[in-house]
PDB file of N, CA and C in Angstrom:
ATOM      1  N   MET A   1     -13.607  49.703  43.937  1.00  0.00           N
ATOM      2  CA  MET A   1     -12.923  48.947  44.970  1.00  0.00           C
ATOM      3  C   MET A   1     -12.325  49.922  45.978  1.00  0.00           C
ATOM      4  N   HIS A   2     -12.466  49.624  47.249  1.00  0.00           N
ATOM      5  CA  HIS A   2     -11.947  50.458  48.324  1.00  0.00           C
ATOM      6  C   HIS A   2     -10.956  49.621  49.127  1.00  0.00           C
ATOM      7  N   THR A   3      -9.776  50.177  49.389  1.00  0.00           N
ATOM      8  CA  THR A   3      -8.709  49.418  50.035  1.00  0.00           C
ATOM      9  C   THR A   3      -8.271  50.091  51.330  1.00  0.00           C
ATOM     10  N   CYS A   4      -8.112  49.296  52.363  1.00  0.00           N
ATOM     11  CA  CYS A   4      -7.608  49.785  53.649  1.00  0.00           C
ATOM     12  C   CYS A   4      -6.122  50.099  53.491  1.00  0.00           C
ATOM     13  N   ARG A   5      -5.726  51.304  53.858  1.00  0.00           N
ATOM     14  CA  ARG A   5      -4.318  51.697  53.738  1.00  0.00           C
ATOM     15  C   ARG A   5      -3.438  51.003  54.763  1.00  0.00           C
ATOM     16  N   ASN A   6      -4.021  50.535  55.839  1.00  0.00           N
ATOM     17  CA  ASN A   6      -3.238  49.889  56.887  1.00  0.00           C
ATOM     18  C   ASN A   6      -2.886  48.445  56.564  1.00  0.00           C
ATOM     19  N   CYS A   7      -3.858  47.692  56.051  1.00  0.00           N
ATOM     20  CA  CYS A   7      -3.626  46.259  55.847  1.00  0.00           C
ATOM     21  C   CYS A   7      -3.785  45.809  54.395  1.00  0.00           C
ATOM     22  N   ASN A   8      -4.154  46.735  53.498  1.00  0.00           N
ATOM     23  CA  ASN A   8      -4.335  46.465  52.069  1.00  0.00           C
ATOM     24  C   ASN A   8      -5.476  45.520  51.747  1.00  0.00           C
ATOM     25  N   GLN A   9      -6.397  45.322  52.661  1.00  0.00           N
ATOM     26  CA  GLN A   9      -7.575  44.503  52.388  1.00  0.00           C
ATOM     27  C   GLN A   9      -8.555  45.335  51.557  1.00  0.00           C
ATOM     28  N   SER A  10      -9.192  44.717  50.563  1.00  0.00           N
ATOM     29  CA  SER A  10     -10.102  45.425  49.665  1.00  0.00           C
ATOM     30  C   SER A  10     -11.560  45.158  50.017  1.00  0.00           C
ATOM     31  N   PHE A  11     -12.400  46.175  49.743  1.00  0.00           N
ATOM     32  CA  PHE A  11     -13.829  46.095  50.039  1.00  0.00           C
ATOM     33  C   PHE A  11     -14.623  46.635  48.859  1.00  0.00           C
ATOM     34  N   GLN A  12     -15.830  46.123  48.688  1.00  0.00           N
ATOM     35  CA  GLN A  12     -16.687  46.516  47.578  1.00  0.00           C
ATOM     36  C   GLN A  12     -17.270  47.915  47.761  1.00  0.00           C
ATOM     37  N   THR A  13     -17.529  48.326  49.010  1.00  0.00           N
ATOM     38  CA  THR A  13     -18.172  49.619  49.258  1.00  0.00           C
ATOM     39  C   THR A  13     -17.365  50.452  50.252  1.00  0.00           C
ATOM     40  N   SER A  14     -17.573  51.749  50.214  1.00  0.00           N
ATOM     41  CA  SER A  14     -16.897  52.626  51.166  1.00  0.00           C
ATOM     42  C   SER A  14     -17.413  52.384  52.582  1.00  0.00           C
ATOM     43  N   LEU A  15     -18.677  51.995  52.716  1.00  0.00           N
ATOM     44  CA  LEU A  15     -19.235  51.683  54.028  1.00  0.00           C
ATOM     45  C   LEU A  15     -18.526  50.487  54.648  1.00  0.00           C
ATOM     46  N   ALA A  16     -18.299  49.458  53.868  1.00  0.00           N
ATOM     47  CA  ALA A  16     -17.590  48.274  54.372  1.00  0.00           C
ATOM     48  C   ALA A  16     -16.176  48.644  54.816  1.00  0.00           C
ATOM     49  N   LEU A  17     -15.533  49.536  54.069  1.00  0.00           N
ATOM     50  CA  LEU A  17     -14.198  49.992  54.449  1.00  0.00           C
ATOM     51  C   LEU A  17     -14.248  50.770  55.764  1.00  0.00           C
ATOM     52  N   GLU A  18     -15.210  51.664  55.926  1.00  0.00           N
ATOM     53  CA  GLU A  18     -15.343  52.439  57.165  1.00  0.00           C
ATOM     54  C   GLU A  18     -15.566  51.520  58.373  1.00  0.00           C
ATOM     55  N   ILE A  19     -16.386  50.516  58.208  1.00  0.00           N
ATOM     56  CA  ILE A  19     -16.638  49.559  59.298  1.00  0.00           C
ATOM     57  C   ILE A  19     -15.362  48.797  59.626  1.00  0.00           C
ATOM     58  N   HIS A  20     -14.632  48.408  58.613  1.00  0.00           N
ATOM     59  CA  HIS A  20     -13.374  47.684  58.808  1.00  0.00           C
ATOM     60  C   HIS A  20     -12.343  48.530  59.556  1.00  0.00           C
ATOM     61  N   ARG A  21     -12.254  49.815  59.259  1.00  0.00           N
ATOM     62  CA  ARG A  21     -11.266  50.693  59.886  1.00  0.00           C
ATOM     63  C   ARG A  21     -11.379  50.707  61.408  1.00  0.00           C
ATOM     64  N   ASP A  22     -12.598  50.533  61.922  1.00  0.00           N
ATOM     65  CA  ASP A  22     -12.804  50.522  63.371  1.00  0.00           C
ATOM     66  C   ASP A  22     -12.147  49.334  64.045  1.00  0.00           C
ATOM     67  N   SER A  23     -11.907  48.275  63.304  1.00  0.00           N
ATOM     68  CA  SER A  23     -11.345  47.074  63.924  1.00  0.00           C
ATOM     69  C   SER A  23     -10.097  46.551  63.217  1.00  0.00           C
ATOM     70  N   CYS A  24      -9.522  47.330  62.328  1.00  0.00           N
ATOM     71  CA  CYS A  24      -8.347  46.886  61.576  1.00  0.00           C
ATOM     72  C   CYS A  24      -7.206  46.547  62.532  1.00  0.00           C
ATOM     73  N   GLU A  25      -6.664  45.371  62.391  1.00  0.00           N
ATOM     74  CA  GLU A  25      -5.587  44.908  63.269  1.00  0.00           C
ATOM     75  C   GLU A  25      -4.293  45.702  63.084  1.00  0.00           C
ATOM     76  N   LYS A  26      -4.094  46.308  61.925  1.00  0.00           N
ATOM     77  CA  LYS A  26      -2.875  47.079  61.683  1.00  0.00           C
ATOM     78  C   LYS A  26      -2.913  48.423  62.407  1.00  0.00           C
ATOM     79  N   GLY A  27      -4.088  48.861  62.765  1.00  0.00           N
ATOM     80  CA  GLY A  27      -4.216  50.046  63.594  1.00  0.00           C
ATOM     81  C   GLY A  27      -4.227  51.369  62.880  1.00  0.00           C
ATOM     82  N   GLN A  28      -4.740  52.360  63.609  1.00  0.00           N
ATOM     83  CA  GLN A  28      -4.832  53.705  63.069  1.00  0.00           C
ATOM     84  C   GLN A  28      -3.864  54.664  63.727  1.00  0.00           C
ATOM     85  N   LEU A  29      -3.248  54.275  64.835  1.00  0.00           N
ATOM     86  CA  LEU A  29      -2.331  55.162  65.541  1.00  0.00           C
ATOM     87  C   LEU A  29      -0.911  54.612  65.549  1.00  0.00           C
ATOM     88  N   TYR A  30       0.042  55.528  65.630  1.00  0.00           N
ATOM     89  CA  TYR A  30       1.456  55.185  65.658  1.00  0.00           C
ATOM     90  C   TYR A  30       2.088  55.895  66.856  1.00  0.00           C
ATOM     91  N   CYS A  31       2.890  55.179  67.618  1.00  0.00           N
ATOM     92  CA  CYS A  31       3.592  55.757  68.763  1.00  0.00           C
ATOM     93  C   CYS A  31       5.025  56.068  68.342  1.00  0.00           C
ATOM     94  N   GLN A  32       5.408  57.335  68.437  1.00  0.00           N
ATOM     95  CA  GLN A  32       6.772  57.705  68.041  1.00  0.00           C
ATOM     96  C   GLN A  32       7.797  57.330  69.104  1.00  0.00           C
ATOM     97  N   VAL A  33       7.348  56.961  70.309  1.00  0.00           N
ATOM     98  CA  VAL A  33       8.272  56.558  71.369  1.00  0.00           C
ATOM     99  C   VAL A  33       8.779  55.133  71.139  1.00  0.00           C
ATOM    100  N   CYS A  34       7.841  54.187  70.886  1.00  0.00           N
ATOM    101  CA  CYS A  34       8.239  52.787  70.731  1.00  0.00           C
ATOM    102  C   CYS A  34       8.126  52.272  69.293  1.00  0.00           C
ATOM    103  N   GLY A  35       7.440  53.023  68.418  1.00  0.00           N
ATOM    104  CA  GLY A  35       7.327  52.624  67.020  1.00  0.00           C
ATOM    105  C   GLY A  35       6.207  51.645  66.713  1.00  0.00           C
ATOM    106  N   GLU A  36       5.352  51.353  67.676  1.00  0.00           N
ATOM    107  CA  GLU A  36       4.259  50.403  67.471  1.00  0.00           C
ATOM    108  C   GLU A  36       3.053  51.075  66.822  1.00  0.00           C
ATOM    109  N   ARG A  37       2.278  50.268  66.075  1.00  0.00           N
ATOM    110  CA  ARG A  37       0.999  50.692  65.519  1.00  0.00           C
ATOM    111  C   ARG A  37      -0.094  49.933  66.243  1.00  0.00           C
ATOM    112  N   PHE A  38      -1.228  50.582  66.474  1.00  0.00           N
ATOM    113  CA  PHE A  38      -2.314  49.947  67.213  1.00  0.00           C
ATOM    114  C   PHE A  38      -3.635  50.637  66.905  1.00  0.00           C
ATOM    115  N   ARG A  39      -4.704  49.974  67.297  1.00  0.00           N
ATOM    116  CA  ARG A  39      -6.041  50.520  67.091  1.00  0.00           C
ATOM    117  C   ARG A  39      -6.294  51.651  68.073  1.00  0.00           C
ATOM    118  N   GLU A  40      -7.069  52.629  67.640  1.00  0.00           N
ATOM    119  CA  GLU A  40      -7.391  53.775  68.493  1.00  0.00           C
ATOM    120  C   GLU A  40      -8.090  53.330  69.770  1.00  0.00           C
ATOM    121  N   ARG A  41      -8.987  52.386  69.661  1.00  0.00           N
ATOM    122  CA  ARG A  41      -9.731  51.959  70.852  1.00  0.00           C
ATOM    123  C   ARG A  41      -8.849  51.271  71.887  1.00  0.00           C
ATOM    124  N   ASP A  42      -7.673  50.779  71.472  1.00  0.00           N
ATOM    125  CA  ASP A  42      -6.741  50.182  72.432  1.00  0.00           C
ATOM    126  C   ASP A  42      -5.956  51.242  73.197  1.00  0.00           C
ATOM    127  N   ALA A  43      -5.970  52.489  72.713  1.00  0.00           N
ATOM    128  CA  ALA A  43      -5.179  53.558  73.312  1.00  0.00           C
ATOM    129  C   ALA A  43      -5.980  54.471  74.237  1.00  0.00           C
ATOM    130  N   THR A  44      -7.298  54.316  74.276  1.00  0.00           N
ATOM    131  CA  THR A  44      -8.117  55.192  75.108  1.00  0.00           C
ATOM    132  C   THR A  44      -9.271  54.433  75.734  1.00  0.00           C
ATOM    133  N   ARG A  45      -9.669  54.902  76.874  1.00  0.00           N
ATOM    134  CA  ARG A  45     -10.847  54.324  77.534  1.00  0.00           C
ATOM    135  C   ARG A  45     -12.013  55.292  77.511  1.00  0.00           C
ATOM    136  N   ASP A  46     -11.706  56.582  77.450  1.00  0.00           N
ATOM    137  CA  ASP A  46     -12.763  57.589  77.520  1.00  0.00           C
ATOM    138  C   ASP A  46     -12.891  58.444  76.257  1.00  0.00           C
ATOM    139  N   GLY A  47     -11.991  58.262  75.286  1.00  0.00           N
ATOM    140  CA  GLY A  47     -12.048  59.036  74.059  1.00  0.00           C
ATOM    141  C   GLY A  47     -11.366  60.391  74.149  1.00  0.00           C
ATOM    142  N   TRP A  48     -10.874  60.743  75.316  1.00  0.00           N
ATOM    143  CA  TRP A  48     -10.211  62.033  75.518  1.00  0.00           C
ATOM    144  C   TRP A  48      -8.721  61.882  75.818  1.00  0.00           C
ATOM    145  N   HIS A  49      -8.372  60.891  76.615  1.00  0.00           N
ATOM    146  CA  HIS A  49      -6.987  60.678  77.037  1.00  0.00           C
ATOM    147  C   HIS A  49      -6.427  59.450  76.327  1.00  0.00           C
ATOM    148  N   TYR A  50      -5.270  59.631  75.692  1.00  0.00           N
ATOM    149  CA  TYR A  50      -4.664  58.556  74.915  1.00  0.00           C
ATOM    150  C   TYR A  50      -3.298  58.200  75.485  1.00  0.00           C
ATOM    151  N   ALA A  51      -3.004  56.905  75.516  1.00  0.00           N
ATOM    152  CA  ALA A  51      -1.694  56.412  75.943  1.00  0.00           C
ATOM    153  C   ALA A  51      -1.361  55.168  75.138  1.00  0.00           C
ATOM    154  N   CYS A  52      -0.094  54.972  74.848  1.00  0.00           N
ATOM    155  CA  CYS A  52       0.329  53.793  74.107  1.00  0.00           C
ATOM    156  C   CYS A  52       0.003  52.543  74.919  1.00  0.00           C
ATOM    157  N   PRO A  53      -0.662  51.556  74.290  1.00  0.00           N
ATOM    158  CA  PRO A  53      -1.020  50.339  75.009  1.00  0.00           C
ATOM    159  C   PRO A  53       0.136  49.351  75.196  1.00  0.00           C
ATOM    160  N   THR A  54       1.298  49.646  74.608  1.00  0.00           N
ATOM    161  CA  THR A  54       2.454  48.773  74.774  1.00  0.00           C
ATOM    162  C   THR A  54       2.919  48.852  76.225  1.00  0.00           C
ATOM    163  N   GLU A  55       3.100  47.713  76.833  1.00  0.00           N
ATOM    164  CA  GLU A  55       3.351  47.618  78.269  1.00  0.00           C
ATOM    165  C   GLU A  55       4.529  48.450  78.775  1.00  0.00           C
ATOM    166  N   ASP A  56       5.643  48.438  78.085  1.00  0.00           N
ATOM    167  CA  ASP A  56       6.842  49.124  78.559  1.00  0.00           C
ATOM    168  C   ASP A  56       7.020  50.526  77.971  1.00  0.00           C
ATOM    169  N   CYS A  57       5.991  51.092  77.360  1.00  0.00           N
ATOM    170  CA  CYS A  57       6.103  52.384  76.703  1.00  0.00           C
ATOM    171  C   CYS A  57       5.386  53.465  77.508  1.00  0.00           C
ATOM    172  N   ASP A  58       5.982  54.649  77.542  1.00  0.00           N
ATOM    173  CA  ASP A  58       5.397  55.785  78.254  1.00  0.00           C
ATOM    174  C   ASP A  58       4.764  56.813  77.317  1.00  0.00           C
ATOM    175  N   GLY A  59       4.642  56.484  76.031  1.00  0.00           N
ATOM    176  CA  GLY A  59       4.064  57.422  75.074  1.00  0.00           C
ATOM    177  C   GLY A  59       2.613  57.710  75.396  1.00  0.00           C
ATOM    178  N   GLU A  60       2.252  58.991  75.363  1.00  0.00           N
ATOM    179  CA  GLU A  60       0.862  59.362  75.598  1.00  0.00           C
ATOM    180  C   GLU A  60       0.565  60.702  74.947  1.00  0.00           C
ATOM    181  N   GLY A  61      -0.706  60.930  74.750  1.00  0.00           N
ATOM    182  CA  GLY A  61      -1.160  62.184  74.182  1.00  0.00           C
ATOM    183  C   GLY A  61      -1.258  62.145  72.670  1.00  0.00           C
ATOM    184  N   LEU A  62      -2.476  62.297  72.176  1.00  0.00           N
ATOM    185  CA  LEU A  62      -2.712  62.356  70.744  1.00  0.00           C
ATOM    186  C   LEU A  62      -2.061  63.622  70.203  1.00  0.00           C
ATOM    187  N   HIS A  63      -1.265  63.505  69.187  1.00  0.00           N
ATOM    188  CA  HIS A  63      -0.503  64.587  68.555  1.00  0.00           C
ATOM    189  C   HIS A  63       0.674  65.047  69.415  1.00  0.00           C
ATOM    190  N   GLU A  64       0.990  64.306  70.465  1.00  0.00           N
ATOM    191  CA  GLU A  64       2.199  64.564  71.261  1.00  0.00           C
ATOM    192  C   GLU A  64       3.179  63.417  71.005  1.00  0.00           C
ATOM    193  N   ASP A  65       2.833  62.209  71.469  1.00  0.00           N
ATOM    194  CA  ASP A  65       3.626  61.006  71.189  1.00  0.00           C
ATOM    195  C   ASP A  65       2.902  60.074  70.227  1.00  0.00           C
ATOM    196  N   LEU A  66       1.580  60.171  70.174  1.00  0.00           N
ATOM    197  CA  LEU A  66       0.757  59.293  69.345  1.00  0.00           C
ATOM    198  C   LEU A  66       0.205  60.072  68.161  1.00  0.00           C
ATOM    199  N   TYR A  67       0.327  59.492  66.980  1.00  0.00           N
ATOM    200  CA  TYR A  67      -0.121  60.166  65.763  1.00  0.00           C
ATOM    201  C   TYR A  67      -1.004  59.248  64.940  1.00  0.00           C
ATOM    202  N   GLU A  68      -1.968  59.843  64.240  1.00  0.00           N
ATOM    203  CA  GLU A  68      -2.816  59.087  63.337  1.00  0.00           C
ATOM    204  C   GLU A  68      -2.013  58.737  62.087  1.00  0.00           C
ATOM    205  N   ILE A  69      -2.128  57.510  61.638  1.00  0.00           N
ATOM    206  CA  ILE A  69      -1.378  57.034  60.484  1.00  0.00           C
ATOM    207  C   ILE A  69      -1.677  57.904  59.254  1.00  0.00           C
ATOM    208  N   ASP A  70      -2.945  58.281  59.054  1.00  0.00           N
ATOM    209  CA  ASP A  70      -3.296  59.106  57.898  1.00  0.00           C
ATOM    210  C   ASP A  70      -2.599  60.462  57.935  1.00  0.00           C
ATOM    211  N   ALA A  71      -2.445  61.049  59.119  1.00  0.00           N
ATOM    212  CA  ALA A  71      -1.756  62.339  59.248  1.00  0.00           C
ATOM    213  C   ALA A  71      -0.279  62.198  58.897  1.00  0.00           C
ATOM    214  N   ILE A  72       0.313  61.089  59.269  1.00  0.00           N
ATOM    215  CA  ILE A  72       1.719  60.857  58.950  1.00  0.00           C
ATOM    216  C   ILE A  72       1.881  60.700  57.446  1.00  0.00           C
ATOM    217  N   ARG A  73       0.981  59.962  56.826  1.00  0.00           N
ATOM    218  CA  ARG A  73       1.051  59.765  55.367  1.00  0.00           C
ATOM    219  C   ARG A  73       0.924  61.091  54.618  1.00  0.00           C
ATOM    220  N   LYS A  74      -0.018  61.938  55.056  1.00  0.00           N
ATOM    221  CA  LYS A  74      -0.221  63.227  54.391  1.00  0.00           C
ATOM    222  C   LYS A  74       1.011  64.117  54.547  1.00  0.00           C
ATOM    223  N   ALA A  75       1.645  64.073  55.690  1.00  0.00           N
ATOM    224  CA  ALA A  75       2.801  64.918  55.946  1.00  0.00           C
ATOM    225  C   ALA A  75       4.031  64.482  55.153  1.00  0.00           C
ATOM    226  N   THR A  76       4.093  63.209  54.791  1.00  0.00           N
ATOM    227  CA  THR A  76       5.260  62.715  54.073  1.00  0.00           C
ATOM    228  C   THR A  76       5.099  62.744  52.559  1.00  0.00           C
ATOM    229  N   HIS A  77       3.892  63.083  52.072  1.00  0.00           N
ATOM    230  CA  HIS A  77       3.680  63.115  50.611  1.00  0.00           C
ATOM    231  C   HIS A  77       3.830  64.489  50.069  1.00  0.00           C
TER     232      HIS A  77
END
């Protein structure tokens, strides 16, 4: 059994989990400015420049204001 760390949904195969991660509503990124979580594709249009998609937030830059949830988990364990 494979479980999404963001939403705790379970999948039979690792492939199904990988496909799910691309569209998980709980998101893969965290903004340290506003505290919101969101999907990576909502934060970038070109894959190079990232900005928080929250309307009133100025957070931008991967590893500056925006962090991957998995990186945060590894750093806290």
